[in-house]
């Protein structure tokens, strides 16, 4: 996730309501960027990123997802299949 994406994600996570999370254009944009990041990365790049510590803003965004179940569900529903498929292709999951 780039700094620009994180800067956009934090306000979206702070202000998005649980009810509106599934139709939030900002959430859709961020989810699309995350999916694109995985689809464009090589398996080697994904393996290298796996153990790296996340930047503070990304850690904050992840914490917001942990704290907001509705937003987290909407986000995961958008990104799960493409990310898991890529991870499977790269041998990162069985």
PDB file of N, CA and C in Angstrom:
ATOM      1  N   UNK A   1       0.840  -1.160   0.000  1.00  0.00           N
ATOM      2  CA  UNK A   1       0.000   0.000   0.000  1.00  0.00           C
ATOM      3  C   UNK A   1       0.897   1.238   0.000  1.00  0.00           C
ATOM      4  N   UNK A   2       0.615   2.175  -0.858  1.00  0.00           N
ATOM      5  CA  UNK A   2       1.435   3.372  -0.935  1.00  0.00           C
ATOM      6  C   UNK A   2       0.990   4.386   0.107  1.00  0.00           C
ATOM      7  N   UNK A   3       1.841   5.367   0.357  1.00  0.00           N
ATOM      8  CA  UNK A   3       1.523   6.421   1.315  1.00  0.00           C
ATOM      9  C   UNK A   3       0.264   7.165   0.909  1.00  0.00           C
ATOM     10  N   UNK A   4       0.113   7.426  -0.371  1.00  0.00           N
ATOM     11  CA  UNK A   4      -1.080   8.119  -0.856  1.00  0.00           C
ATOM     12  C   UNK A   4      -2.333   7.316  -0.564  1.00  0.00           C
ATOM     13  N   UNK A   5      -2.270   6.023  -0.789  1.00  0.00           N
ATOM     14  CA  UNK A   5      -3.421   5.171  -0.510  1.00  0.00           C
ATOM     15  C   UNK A   5      -3.735   5.187   0.974  1.00  0.00           C
ATOM     16  N   UNK A   6      -2.706   5.138   1.798  1.00  0.00           N
ATOM     17  CA  UNK A   6      -2.913   5.120   3.240  1.00  0.00           C
ATOM     18  C   UNK A   6      -3.521   6.438   3.697  1.00  0.00           C
ATOM     19  N   UNK A   7      -3.028   7.561   3.149  1.00  0.00           N
ATOM     20  CA  UNK A   7      -3.575   8.864   3.509  1.00  0.00           C
ATOM     21  C   UNK A   7      -5.053   8.946   3.159  1.00  0.00           C
ATOM     22  N   UNK A   8      -5.453   8.279   2.108  1.00  0.00           N
ATOM     23  CA  UNK A   8      -6.866   8.268   1.730  1.00  0.00           C
ATOM     24  C   UNK A   8      -7.652   7.253   2.544  1.00  0.00           C
ATOM     25  N   UNK A   9      -7.013   6.180   2.943  1.00  0.00           N
ATOM     26  CA  UNK A   9      -7.695   5.131   3.688  1.00  0.00           C
ATOM     27  C   UNK A   9      -8.035   5.577   5.094  1.00  0.00           C
ATOM     28  N   UNK A  10      -7.120   6.255   5.758  1.00  0.00           N
ATOM     29  CA  UNK A  10      -7.350   6.634   7.148  1.00  0.00           C
ATOM     30  C   UNK A  10      -8.614   7.471   7.299  1.00  0.00           C
ATOM     31  N   UNK A  11      -8.805   8.564   6.524  1.00  0.00           N
ATOM     32  CA  UNK A  11     -10.058   9.310   6.672  1.00  0.00           C
ATOM     33  C   UNK A  11     -11.290   8.462   6.334  1.00  0.00           C
ATOM     34  N   UNK A  12     -11.161   7.614   5.342  1.00  0.00           N
ATOM     35  CA  UNK A  12     -12.302   6.766   4.984  1.00  0.00           C
ATOM     36  C   UNK A  12     -12.663   5.846   6.138  1.00  0.00           C
ATOM     37  N   UNK A  13     -11.648   5.313   6.788  1.00  0.00           N
ATOM     38  CA  UNK A  13     -11.898   4.426   7.907  1.00  0.00           C
ATOM     39  C   UNK A  13     -12.435   5.181   9.118  1.00  0.00           C
ATOM     40  N   UNK A  14     -11.975   6.404   9.293  1.00  0.00           N
ATOM     41  CA  UNK A  14     -12.415   7.200  10.434  1.00  0.00           C
ATOM     42  C   UNK A  14     -13.867   7.637  10.309  1.00  0.00           C
ATOM     43  N   UNK A  15     -14.287   7.959   9.095  1.00  0.00           N
ATOM     44  CA  UNK A  15     -15.586   8.570   8.914  1.00  0.00           C
ATOM     45  C   UNK A  15     -16.645   7.676   8.269  1.00  0.00           C
ATOM     46  N   UNK A  16     -16.260   6.557   7.762  1.00  0.00           N
ATOM     47  CA  UNK A  16     -17.245   5.678   7.110  1.00  0.00           C
ATOM     48  C   UNK A  16     -18.106   5.013   8.166  1.00  0.00           C
ATOM     49  N   UNK A  17     -19.378   5.036   7.971  1.00  0.00           N
ATOM     50  CA  UNK A  17     -20.288   4.376   8.894  1.00  0.00           C
ATOM     51  C   UNK A  17     -20.437   2.918   8.522  1.00  0.00           C
ATOM     52  N   UNK A  18     -20.844   2.125   9.491  1.00  0.00           N
ATOM     53  CA  UNK A  18     -21.030   0.697   9.244  1.00  0.00           C
ATOM     54  C   UNK A  18     -22.077   0.473   8.163  1.00  0.00           C
ATOM     55  N   UNK A  19     -23.172   1.201   8.223  1.00  0.00           N
ATOM     56  CA  UNK A  19     -24.238   0.997   7.244  1.00  0.00           C
ATOM     57  C   UNK A  19     -23.815   1.397   5.841  1.00  0.00           C
ATOM     58  N   UNK A  20     -23.028   2.448   5.718  1.00  0.00           N
ATOM     59  CA  UNK A  20     -22.623   2.929   4.403  1.00  0.00           C
ATOM     60  C   UNK A  20     -21.348   2.310   3.894  1.00  0.00           C
ATOM     61  N   UNK A  21     -20.705   1.480   4.686  1.00  0.00           N
ATOM     62  CA  UNK A  21     -19.390   0.953   4.327  1.00  0.00           C
ATOM     63  C   UNK A  21     -19.423   0.144   3.036  1.00  0.00           C
ATOM     64  N   UNK A  22     -20.515  -0.563   2.793  1.00  0.00           N
ATOM     65  CA  UNK A  22     -20.560  -1.418   1.623  1.00  0.00           C
ATOM     66  C   UNK A  22     -20.734  -0.622   0.332  1.00  0.00           C
ATOM     67  N   UNK A  23     -21.129   0.652   0.428  1.00  0.00           N
ATOM     68  CA  UNK A  23     -21.336   1.462  -0.768  1.00  0.00           C
ATOM     69  C   UNK A  23     -20.448   2.701  -0.740  1.00  0.00           C
ATOM     70  N   UNK A  24     -19.351   2.641  -0.054  1.00  0.00           N
ATOM     71  CA  UNK A  24     -18.452   3.780   0.097  1.00  0.00           C
ATOM     72  C   UNK A  24     -17.491   3.833  -1.081  1.00  0.00           C
ATOM     73  N   UNK A  25     -17.541   4.894  -1.892  1.00  0.00           N
ATOM     74  CA  UNK A  25     -16.655   4.985  -3.059  1.00  0.00           C
ATOM     75  C   UNK A  25     -15.171   4.994  -2.663  1.00  0.00           C
ATOM     76  N   UNK A  26     -14.841   5.592  -1.526  1.00  0.00           N
ATOM     77  CA  UNK A  26     -13.454   5.627  -1.064  1.00  0.00           C
ATOM     78  C   UNK A  26     -12.986   4.210  -0.726  1.00  0.00           C
ATOM     79  N   UNK A  27     -13.843   3.452  -0.067  1.00  0.00           N
ATOM     80  CA  UNK A  27     -13.504   2.065   0.260  1.00  0.00           C
ATOM     81  C   UNK A  27     -13.311   1.262  -1.019  1.00  0.00           C
ATOM     82  N   UNK A  28     -14.171   1.477  -1.997  1.00  0.00           N
ATOM     83  CA  UNK A  28     -14.044   0.780  -3.279  1.00  0.00           C
ATOM     84  C   UNK A  28     -12.720   1.113  -3.955  1.00  0.00           C
ATOM     85  N   UNK A  29     -12.342   2.399  -3.942  1.00  0.00           N
ATOM     86  CA  UNK A  29     -11.104   2.813  -4.573  1.00  0.00           C
ATOM     87  C   UNK A  29      -9.892   2.170  -3.883  1.00  0.00           C
ATOM     88  N   UNK A  30      -9.902   2.179  -2.564  1.00  0.00           N
ATOM     89  CA  UNK A  30      -8.785   1.607  -1.814  1.00  0.00           C
ATOM     90  C   UNK A  30      -8.709   0.107  -2.044  1.00  0.00           C
ATOM     91  N   UNK A  31      -9.845  -0.561  -2.010  1.00  0.00           N
ATOM     92  CA  UNK A  31      -9.872  -2.002  -2.258  1.00  0.00           C
ATOM     93  C   UNK A  31      -9.336  -2.314  -3.651  1.00  0.00           C
ATOM     94  N   UNK A  32      -9.736  -1.517  -4.640  1.00  0.00           N
ATOM     95  CA  UNK A  32      -9.238  -1.727  -5.999  1.00  0.00           C
ATOM     96  C   UNK A  32      -7.720  -1.563  -6.073  1.00  0.00           C
ATOM     97  N   UNK A  33      -7.186  -0.578  -5.349  1.00  0.00           N
ATOM     98  CA  UNK A  33      -5.728  -0.359  -5.336  1.00  0.00           C
ATOM     99  C   UNK A  33      -5.010  -1.522  -4.681  1.00  0.00           C
ATOM    100  N   UNK A  34      -5.565  -2.048  -3.602  1.00  0.00           N
ATOM    101  CA  UNK A  34      -4.944  -3.188  -2.922  1.00  0.00           C
ATOM    102  C   UNK A  34      -4.959  -4.410  -3.842  1.00  0.00           C
ATOM    103  N   UNK A  35      -6.076  -4.649  -4.485  1.00  0.00           N
ATOM    104  CA  UNK A  35      -6.179  -5.773  -5.426  1.00  0.00           C
ATOM    105  C   UNK A  35      -5.159  -5.614  -6.545  1.00  0.00           C
ATOM    106  N   UNK A  36      -5.066  -4.417  -7.090  1.00  0.00           N
ATOM    107  CA  UNK A  36      -4.119  -4.148  -8.174  1.00  0.00           C
ATOM    108  C   UNK A  36      -2.683  -4.399  -7.720  1.00  0.00           C
ATOM    109  N   UNK A  37      -2.372  -3.998  -6.489  1.00  0.00           N
ATOM    110  CA  UNK A  37      -1.024  -4.206  -5.952  1.00  0.00           C
ATOM    111  C   UNK A  37      -0.675  -5.695  -5.936  1.00  0.00           C
ATOM    112  N   UNK A  38      -1.598  -6.517  -5.519  1.00  0.00           N
ATOM    113  CA  UNK A  38      -1.348  -7.958  -5.482  1.00  0.00           C
ATOM    114  C   UNK A  38      -1.285  -8.552  -6.881  1.00  0.00           C
ATOM    115  N   UNK A  39      -2.164  -8.140  -7.756  1.00  0.00           N
ATOM    116  CA  UNK A  39      -2.191  -8.700  -9.099  1.00  0.00           C
ATOM    117  C   UNK A  39      -0.952  -8.335  -9.903  1.00  0.00           C
ATOM    118  N   UNK A  40      -0.391  -7.170  -9.656  1.00  0.00           N
ATOM    119  CA  UNK A  40       0.772  -6.720 -10.416  1.00  0.00           C
ATOM    120  C   UNK A  40       2.095  -7.176  -9.806  1.00  0.00           C
ATOM    121  N   UNK A  41       2.077  -7.591  -8.557  1.00  0.00           N
ATOM    122  CA  UNK A  41       3.311  -8.007  -7.888  1.00  0.00           C
ATOM    123  C   UNK A  41       3.711  -9.408  -8.332  1.00  0.00           C
ATOM    124  N   UNK A  42       4.995  -9.607  -8.420  1.00  0.00           N
ATOM    125  CA  UNK A  42       5.486 -10.957  -8.681  1.00  0.00           C
ATOM    126  C   UNK A  42       5.432 -11.740  -7.373  1.00  0.00           C
ATOM    127  N   UNK A  43       5.510 -13.039  -7.481  1.00  0.00           N
ATOM    128  CA  UNK A  43       5.520 -13.872  -6.282  1.00  0.00           C
ATOM    129  C   UNK A  43       6.721 -13.523  -5.400  1.00  0.00           C
ATOM    130  N   UNK A  44       7.847 -13.276  -6.029  1.00  0.00           N
ATOM    131  CA  UNK A  44       9.047 -12.911  -5.270  1.00  0.00           C
ATOM    132  C   UNK A  44       8.823 -11.624  -4.480  1.00  0.00           C
ATOM    133  N   UNK A  45       8.186 -10.645  -5.087  1.00  0.00           N
ATOM    134  CA  UNK A  45       7.906  -9.389  -4.393  1.00  0.00           C
ATOM    135  C   UNK A  45       6.971  -9.618  -3.209  1.00  0.00           C
ATOM    136  N   UNK A  46       5.966 -10.458  -3.395  1.00  0.00           N
ATOM    137  CA  UNK A  46       5.048 -10.741  -2.297  1.00  0.00           C
ATOM    138  C   UNK A  46       5.751 -11.447  -1.145  1.00  0.00           C
ATOM    139  N   UNK A  47       6.624 -12.389  -1.456  1.00  0.00           N
ATOM    140  CA  UNK A  47       7.385 -13.082  -0.414  1.00  0.00           C
ATOM    141  C   UNK A  47       8.269 -12.094   0.342  1.00  0.00           C
ATOM    142  N   UNK A  48       8.883 -11.156  -0.371  1.00  0.00           N
ATOM    143  CA  UNK A  48       9.752 -10.169   0.285  1.00  0.00           C
ATOM    144  C   UNK A  48       8.951  -9.238   1.193  1.00  0.00           C
ATOM    145  N   UNK A  49       7.774  -8.846   0.779  1.00  0.00           N
ATOM    146  CA  UNK A  49       6.934  -7.938   1.570  1.00  0.00           C
ATOM    147  C   UNK A  49       6.314  -8.613   2.786  1.00  0.00           C
ATOM    148  N   UNK A  50       6.194  -9.936   2.730  1.00  0.00           N
ATOM    149  CA  UNK A  50       5.466 -10.662   3.764  1.00  0.00           C
ATOM    150  C   UNK A  50       6.012 -10.400   5.165  1.00  0.00           C
ATOM    151  N   UNK A  51       7.296 -10.393   5.342  1.00  0.00           N
ATOM    152  CA  UNK A  51       7.866 -10.235   6.663  1.00  0.00           C
ATOM    153  C   UNK A  51       8.196  -8.813   7.056  1.00  0.00           C
ATOM    154  N   UNK A  52       7.950  -7.858   6.175  1.00  0.00           N
ATOM    155  CA  UNK A  52       8.314  -6.475   6.461  1.00  0.00           C
ATOM    156  C   UNK A  52       7.304  -5.816   7.402  1.00  0.00           C
ATOM    157  N   UNK A  53       7.836  -4.929   8.251  1.00  0.00           N
ATOM    158  CA  UNK A  53       6.984  -4.172   9.154  1.00  0.00           C
ATOM    159  C   UNK A  53       6.221  -3.117   8.350  1.00  0.00           C
ATOM    160  N   UNK A  54       4.967  -2.924   8.695  1.00  0.00           N
ATOM    161  CA  UNK A  54       4.118  -1.960   8.006  1.00  0.00           C
ATOM    162  C   UNK A  54       4.433  -0.547   8.495  1.00  0.00           C
ATOM    163  N   UNK A  55       4.341   0.439   7.595  1.00  0.00           N
ATOM    164  CA  UNK A  55       4.515   1.837   8.007  1.00  0.00           C
ATOM    165  C   UNK A  55       3.442   2.229   9.031  1.00  0.00           C
ATOM    166  N   UNK A  56       3.713   3.232   9.879  1.00  0.00           N
ATOM    167  CA  UNK A  56       2.756   3.617  10.930  1.00  0.00           C
ATOM    168  C   UNK A  56       1.356   3.941  10.414  1.00  0.00           C
ATOM    169  N   UNK A  57       1.244   4.647   9.291  1.00  0.00           N
ATOM    170  CA  UNK A  57      -0.093   4.984   8.785  1.00  0.00           C
ATOM    171  C   UNK A  57      -0.853   3.743   8.339  1.00  0.00           C
ATOM    172  N   UNK A  58      -0.135   2.794   7.766  1.00  0.00           N
ATOM    173  CA  UNK A  58      -0.793   1.551   7.354  1.00  0.00           C
ATOM    174  C   UNK A  58      -1.219   0.753   8.584  1.00  0.00           C
ATOM    175  N   UNK A  59      -0.388   0.754   9.625  1.00  0.00           N
ATOM    176  CA  UNK A  59      -0.748   0.080  10.875  1.00  0.00           C
ATOM    177  C   UNK A  59      -2.010   0.700  11.467  1.00  0.00           C
ATOM    178  N   UNK A  60      -2.106   2.026  11.392  1.00  0.00           N
ATOM    179  CA  UNK A  60      -3.286   2.727  11.897  1.00  0.00           C
ATOM    180  C   UNK A  60      -4.531   2.339  11.098  1.00  0.00           C
ATOM    181  N   UNK A  61      -4.394   2.279   9.784  1.00  0.00           N
ATOM    182  CA  UNK A  61      -5.520   1.901   8.932  1.00  0.00           C
ATOM    183  C   UNK A  61      -5.968   0.476   9.245  1.00  0.00           C
ATOM    184  N   UNK A  62      -5.015  -0.417   9.456  1.00  0.00           N
ATOM    185  CA  UNK A  62      -5.343  -1.803   9.792  1.00  0.00           C
ATOM    186  C   UNK A  62      -6.066  -1.858  11.137  1.00  0.00           C
ATOM    187  N   UNK A  63      -5.618  -1.032  12.086  1.00  0.00           N
ATOM    188  CA  UNK A  63      -6.280  -0.997  13.391  1.00  0.00           C
ATOM    189  C   UNK A  63      -7.722  -0.514  13.248  1.00  0.00           C
ATOM    190  N   UNK A  64      -7.948   0.462  12.379  1.00  0.00           N
ATOM    191  CA  UNK A  64      -9.317   0.948  12.147  1.00  0.00           C
ATOM    192  C   UNK A  64     -10.197  -0.164  11.581  1.00  0.00           C
ATOM    193  N   UNK A  65      -9.637  -0.986  10.710  1.00  0.00           N
ATOM    194  CA  UNK A  65     -10.398  -2.126  10.201  1.00  0.00           C
ATOM    195  C   UNK A  65     -10.708  -3.120  11.315  1.00  0.00           C
ATOM    196  N   UNK A  66      -9.753  -3.305  12.208  1.00  0.00           N
ATOM    197  CA  UNK A  66      -9.989  -4.210  13.345  1.00  0.00           C
ATOM    198  C   UNK A  66     -11.085  -3.670  14.260  1.00  0.00           C
ATOM    199  N   UNK A  67     -11.131  -2.346  14.406  1.00  0.00           N
ATOM    200  CA  UNK A  67     -12.082  -1.719  15.323  1.00  0.00           C
ATOM    201  C   UNK A  67     -13.483  -1.550  14.738  1.00  0.00           C
ATOM    202  N   UNK A  68     -13.623  -1.655  13.429  1.00  0.00           N
ATOM    203  CA  UNK A  68     -14.909  -1.427  12.786  1.00  0.00           C
ATOM    204  C   UNK A  68     -15.310  -2.672  11.991  1.00  0.00           C
ATOM    205  N   UNK A  69     -16.055  -3.575  12.627  1.00  0.00           N
ATOM    206  CA  UNK A  69     -16.400  -4.842  11.962  1.00  0.00           C
ATOM    207  C   UNK A  69     -17.144  -4.673  10.640  1.00  0.00           C
ATOM    208  N   UNK A  70     -18.030  -3.704  10.547  1.00  0.00           N
ATOM    209  CA  UNK A  70     -18.774  -3.510   9.299  1.00  0.00           C
ATOM    210  C   UNK A  70     -17.877  -3.072   8.159  1.00  0.00           C
ATOM    211  N   UNK A  71     -17.011  -2.130   8.445  1.00  0.00           N
ATOM    212  CA  UNK A  71     -16.069  -1.652   7.437  1.00  0.00           C
ATOM    213  C   UNK A  71     -15.092  -2.755   7.054  1.00  0.00           C
ATOM    214  N   UNK A  72     -14.619  -3.489   8.057  1.00  0.00           N
ATOM    215  CA  UNK A  72     -13.695  -4.600   7.795  1.00  0.00           C
ATOM    216  C   UNK A  72     -14.349  -5.648   6.911  1.00  0.00           C
ATOM    217  N   UNK A  73     -15.583  -5.979   7.200  1.00  0.00           N
ATOM    218  CA  UNK A  73     -16.297  -6.981   6.398  1.00  0.00           C
ATOM    219  C   UNK A  73     -16.432  -6.511   4.947  1.00  0.00           C
ATOM    220  N   UNK A  74     -16.815  -5.254   4.763  1.00  0.00           N
ATOM    221  CA  UNK A  74     -16.964  -4.728   3.403  1.00  0.00           C
ATOM    222  C   UNK A  74     -15.628  -4.754   2.668  1.00  0.00           C
ATOM    223  N   UNK A  75     -14.554  -4.363   3.354  1.00  0.00           N
ATOM    224  CA  UNK A  75     -13.231  -4.334   2.732  1.00  0.00           C
ATOM    225  C   UNK A  75     -12.776  -5.746   2.375  1.00  0.00           C
ATOM    226  N   UNK A  76     -12.884  -6.655   3.310  1.00  0.00           N
ATOM    227  CA  UNK A  76     -12.442  -8.033   3.070  1.00  0.00           C
ATOM    228  C   UNK A  76     -13.272  -8.688   1.973  1.00  0.00           C
ATOM    229  N   UNK A  77     -14.560  -8.433   1.961  1.00  0.00           N
ATOM    230  CA  UNK A  77     -15.398  -8.995   0.899  1.00  0.00           C
ATOM    231  C   UNK A  77     -14.937  -8.547  -0.479  1.00  0.00           C
ATOM    232  N   UNK A  78     -14.392  -7.350  -0.577  1.00  0.00           N
ATOM    233  CA  UNK A  78     -13.915  -6.836  -1.858  1.00  0.00           C
ATOM    234  C   UNK A  78     -12.561  -7.416  -2.268  1.00  0.00           C
ATOM    235  N   UNK A  79     -11.650  -7.585  -1.298  1.00  0.00           N
ATOM    236  CA  UNK A  79     -10.270  -7.925  -1.653  1.00  0.00           C
ATOM    237  C   UNK A  79      -9.911  -9.401  -1.475  1.00  0.00           C
ATOM    238  N   UNK A  80     -10.704 -10.154  -0.752  1.00  0.00           N
ATOM    239  CA  UNK A  80     -10.310 -11.513  -0.366  1.00  0.00           C
ATOM    240  C   UNK A  80     -10.021 -12.443  -1.543  1.00  0.00           C
ATOM    241  N   UNK A  81     -10.947 -12.585  -2.452  1.00  0.00           N
ATOM    242  CA  UNK A  81     -10.768 -13.566  -3.527  1.00  0.00           C
ATOM    243  C   UNK A  81      -9.544 -13.280  -4.396  1.00  0.00           C
ATOM    244  N   UNK A  82      -9.361 -12.048  -4.886  1.00  0.00           N
ATOM    245  CA  UNK A  82      -8.173 -11.813  -5.717  1.00  0.00           C
ATOM    246  C   UNK A  82      -6.853 -12.006  -4.958  1.00  0.00           C
ATOM    247  N   UNK A  83      -6.818 -11.576  -3.708  1.00  0.00           N
ATOM    248  CA  UNK A  83      -5.585 -11.709  -2.927  1.00  0.00           C
ATOM    249  C   UNK A  83      -5.293 -13.173  -2.631  1.00  0.00           C
ATOM    250  N   UNK A  84      -6.289 -13.908  -2.203  1.00  0.00           N
ATOM    251  CA  UNK A  84      -6.077 -15.322  -1.870  1.00  0.00           C
ATOM    252  C   UNK A  84      -5.695 -16.113  -3.111  1.00  0.00           C
ATOM    253  N   UNK A  85      -6.288 -15.803  -4.247  1.00  0.00           N
ATOM    254  CA  UNK A  85      -5.908 -16.493  -5.482  1.00  0.00           C
ATOM    255  C   UNK A  85      -4.443 -16.255  -5.817  1.00  0.00           C
ATOM    256  N   UNK A  86      -3.989 -15.022  -5.680  1.00  0.00           N
ATOM    257  CA  UNK A  86      -2.583 -14.704  -5.966  1.00  0.00           C
ATOM    258  C   UNK A  86      -1.668 -15.418  -4.969  1.00  0.00           C
ATOM    259  N   UNK A  87      -2.035 -15.392  -3.691  1.00  0.00           N
ATOM    260  CA  UNK A  87      -1.242 -16.071  -2.678  1.00  0.00           C
ATOM    261  C   UNK A  87      -1.159 -17.585  -2.959  1.00  0.00           C
ATOM    262  N   UNK A  88      -2.255 -18.160  -3.410  1.00  0.00           N
ATOM    263  CA  UNK A  88      -2.267 -19.580  -3.758  1.00  0.00           C
ATOM    264  C   UNK A  88      -1.318 -19.854  -4.909  1.00  0.00           C
ATOM    265  N   UNK A  89      -1.382 -19.009  -5.948  1.00  0.00           N
ATOM    266  CA  UNK A  89      -0.499 -19.162  -7.102  1.00  0.00           C
ATOM    267  C   UNK A  89       0.978 -19.081  -6.695  1.00  0.00           C
ATOM    268  N   UNK A  90       1.265 -18.266  -5.688  1.00  0.00           N
ATOM    269  CA  UNK A  90       2.649 -18.052  -5.252  1.00  0.00           C
ATOM    270  C   UNK A  90       3.094 -19.055  -4.190  1.00  0.00           C
ATOM    271  N   UNK A  91       2.232 -19.987  -3.828  1.00  0.00           N
ATOM    272  CA  UNK A  91       2.598 -20.981  -2.830  1.00  0.00           C
ATOM    273  C   UNK A  91       2.662 -20.421  -1.419  1.00  0.00           C
ATOM    274  N   UNK A  92       1.957 -19.327  -1.176  1.00  0.00           N
ATOM    275  CA  UNK A  92       1.962 -18.721   0.139  1.00  0.00           C
ATOM    276  C   UNK A  92       0.909 -19.323   1.062  1.00  0.00           C
ATOM    277  N   UNK A  93      -0.059 -20.011   0.479  1.00  0.00           N
ATOM    278  CA  UNK A  93      -1.036 -20.767   1.243  1.00  0.00           C
ATOM    279  C   UNK A  93      -1.184 -22.132   0.561  1.00  0.00           C
ATOM    280  N   UNK A  94      -1.612 -23.134   1.328  1.00  0.00           N
ATOM    281  CA  UNK A  94      -1.675 -24.488   0.748  1.00  0.00           C
ATOM    282  C   UNK A  94      -2.577 -24.630  -0.443  1.00  0.00           C
TER     283      UNK A  94
END
